[in-house]
Protein backbone atom coordinates (compact mmCIF):
# COMPACT_ATOMS: atom_id res chain seq x y z
CA MET A 1 13.78 -20.75 7.91
CA PHE A 2 14.59 -17.22 6.53
CA HIS A 3 12.88 -15.28 3.72
CA SER A 4 13.94 -12.22 1.88
CA LEU A 5 12.04 -8.99 2.79
CA TYR A 6 13.21 -5.69 1.21
CA GLY A 7 16.67 -7.23 0.69
CA LYS A 8 16.99 -8.45 4.28
CA LYS A 9 16.64 -12.06 5.51
CA LEU A 10 13.83 -12.40 7.98
CA GLY A 11 12.56 -15.52 9.78
CA PHE A 12 12.54 -17.81 12.79
CA ASP A 13 15.68 -19.54 14.13
CA ASP A 14 15.71 -23.06 15.77
CA ASN A 15 14.47 -21.57 19.05
CA ASP A 16 11.50 -19.93 17.38
CA THR A 17 13.01 -16.39 17.91
CA LEU A 18 12.14 -13.96 15.17
CA ARG A 19 15.44 -12.83 13.62
CA HIS A 20 16.81 -10.97 10.67
CA ASP A 21 20.22 -11.52 9.15
CA ALA A 22 22.08 -9.26 11.68
CA GLY A 23 20.28 -10.34 14.92
CA ALA A 24 16.97 -10.60 16.84
CA ILE A 25 14.11 -8.28 16.72
CA SER A 26 13.75 -6.51 20.18
CA ILE A 27 10.42 -5.31 21.31
CA ASP A 28 10.65 -2.80 24.21
CA SER A 29 8.16 -2.40 27.01
CA GLY A 30 6.17 0.51 28.38
CA THR A 31 3.47 2.69 26.82
CA LYS A 32 3.31 1.96 23.09
CA THR A 33 0.43 4.23 22.04
CA ALA A 34 0.22 7.79 20.83
CA THR A 35 -2.29 10.11 19.21
CA ALA A 36 -1.54 11.87 16.00
CA THR A 37 -2.35 15.58 15.42
CA GLY A 38 -3.59 16.79 12.07
CA THR A 39 -6.71 16.03 10.02
CA GLY A 40 -5.97 17.13 6.50
CA GLY A 41 -3.56 15.32 4.17
CA THR A 42 -0.88 15.05 6.84
CA SER A 43 -0.47 14.35 10.55
CA THR A 44 2.32 13.95 13.05
CA ALA A 45 2.91 11.81 16.12
CA THR A 46 5.87 11.04 18.46
CA LEU A 47 6.53 7.61 19.96
CA ASN A 48 10.01 6.48 20.84
CA LYS A 49 9.42 2.73 20.88
CA ALA A 50 10.44 -0.23 18.67
CA SER A 51 6.72 -1.06 18.22
CA GLY A 52 3.42 0.69 18.88
CA LYS A 53 0.07 2.01 17.75
CA ILE A 54 -0.79 5.49 16.60
CA THR A 55 -4.43 6.61 16.54
CA THR A 56 -5.07 9.38 14.05
CA ALA A 57 -7.47 12.28 14.61
CA ALA A 58 -10.83 11.95 12.87
CA LEU A 59 -10.08 11.89 9.16
CA THR A 60 -12.19 12.56 6.07
CA THR A 61 -9.79 11.18 3.49
CA ALA A 62 -11.61 11.15 0.11
CA ALA A 63 -11.83 8.05 -2.10
CA ALA A 64 -8.46 7.40 -3.81
CA ALA A 65 -6.77 10.12 -1.66
CA THR A 66 -3.82 9.63 0.73
CA HIS A 67 -2.96 10.71 4.18
CA VAL A 68 0.72 10.91 5.33
CA LEU A 69 1.62 10.29 8.97
CA THR A 70 5.08 11.36 10.06
CA LEU A 71 6.14 9.49 13.12
CA THR A 72 9.06 10.93 15.06
CA ASN A 73 10.80 8.02 16.71
CA SER A 74 14.41 7.82 18.04
CA LYS A 75 14.47 4.05 17.54
CA ILE A 76 14.34 4.33 13.80
CA ALA A 77 17.40 4.61 11.57
CA ALA A 78 17.32 5.29 7.82
CA ALA A 79 18.42 1.72 6.99
CA ASP A 80 15.83 0.08 9.19
CA ILE A 81 12.67 -1.80 7.96
CA VAL A 82 9.50 -0.45 9.47
CA LEU A 83 6.58 -2.88 9.09
CA VAL A 84 3.18 -1.06 9.17
CA THR A 85 -0.48 -2.06 9.31
CA VAL A 86 -3.52 0.08 9.27
CA GLY A 87 -7.09 -0.54 10.56
CA LYS A 88 -10.16 1.45 11.35
CA GLY A 89 -10.55 2.99 14.68
CA THR A 90 -13.88 4.92 14.77
CA ALA A 91 -14.06 5.09 10.92
CA THR A 92 -16.87 2.97 9.35
CA THR A 93 -16.40 3.89 5.66
CA GLY A 94 -13.55 3.97 3.26
CA THR A 95 -11.09 1.17 2.52
CA VAL A 96 -7.60 1.94 3.85
CA THR A 97 -4.25 0.40 3.00
CA VAL A 98 -0.55 1.19 3.59
CA ALA A 99 0.67 2.73 0.32
CA ASP A 100 4.29 3.66 1.29
CA VAL A 101 6.71 3.54 4.25
CA ILE A 102 9.88 5.63 4.15
CA PRO A 103 12.21 5.41 7.20
CA ALA A 104 14.75 8.10 7.94
CA ALA A 105 17.02 8.92 10.88
CA GLY A 106 14.69 9.42 13.80
CA SER A 107 11.40 9.29 11.88
CA VAL A 108 9.25 7.39 9.33
CA ALA A 109 6.79 8.71 6.82
CA ILE A 110 3.78 6.42 6.48
CA THR A 111 1.39 6.99 3.49
CA ILE A 112 -2.09 5.64 3.98
CA GLN A 113 -4.40 5.43 0.93
CA ASN A 114 -8.20 5.14 0.78
CA ILE A 115 -8.63 2.70 -2.08
CA SER A 116 -12.44 2.93 -1.91
CA GLY A 117 -14.02 3.75 -5.25
CA ALA A 118 -16.48 6.21 -3.73
CA ALA A 119 -16.54 6.36 0.15
CA ALA A 120 -14.39 8.81 2.17
CA VAL A 121 -12.88 7.76 5.44
CA ASN A 122 -15.16 9.08 8.23
CA GLY A 123 -13.22 8.72 11.48
CA THR A 124 -9.95 7.64 13.15
CA LEU A 125 -7.51 5.08 11.94
CA VAL A 126 -5.14 2.92 14.01
CA ILE A 127 -1.66 2.48 12.53
CA SER A 128 0.52 -0.19 14.11
CA PHE A 129 4.31 -0.52 13.49
CA VAL A 130 7.37 -2.59 14.35
CA VAL A 131 10.88 -1.58 13.69
CA VAL A 132 13.29 -4.21 12.35
CA LYS A 133 16.85 -2.91 12.90
CA ALA A 134 19.18 -3.06 9.92
């Protein structure tokens, strides 16, 4: 059964393989973690994998503010879909969510927003991603 996601069909085939309308999703092996540098409103990381986890530096993102992580990744093309989640690493305050994901050739800009009404983020975040090839 396939469903539409950002104009692409995504779902499981009869063999329970996750596919999109042009083929299967491939998940490569090896180290799939990286640490981002930057603690202000922006940070950067490099991880050339189809999926992985990025741990930010300790952040102090204010309530309602955003933090943009630019991930350099040779596996990403501008037309690809990059699925992203965010969770707290060492942070114990703030409420974080993925606000925007913009793939480009060789990179993706991921905007994380602290949607807390009052509390700032007070530590690291873990951003997970998977690339769905167009």
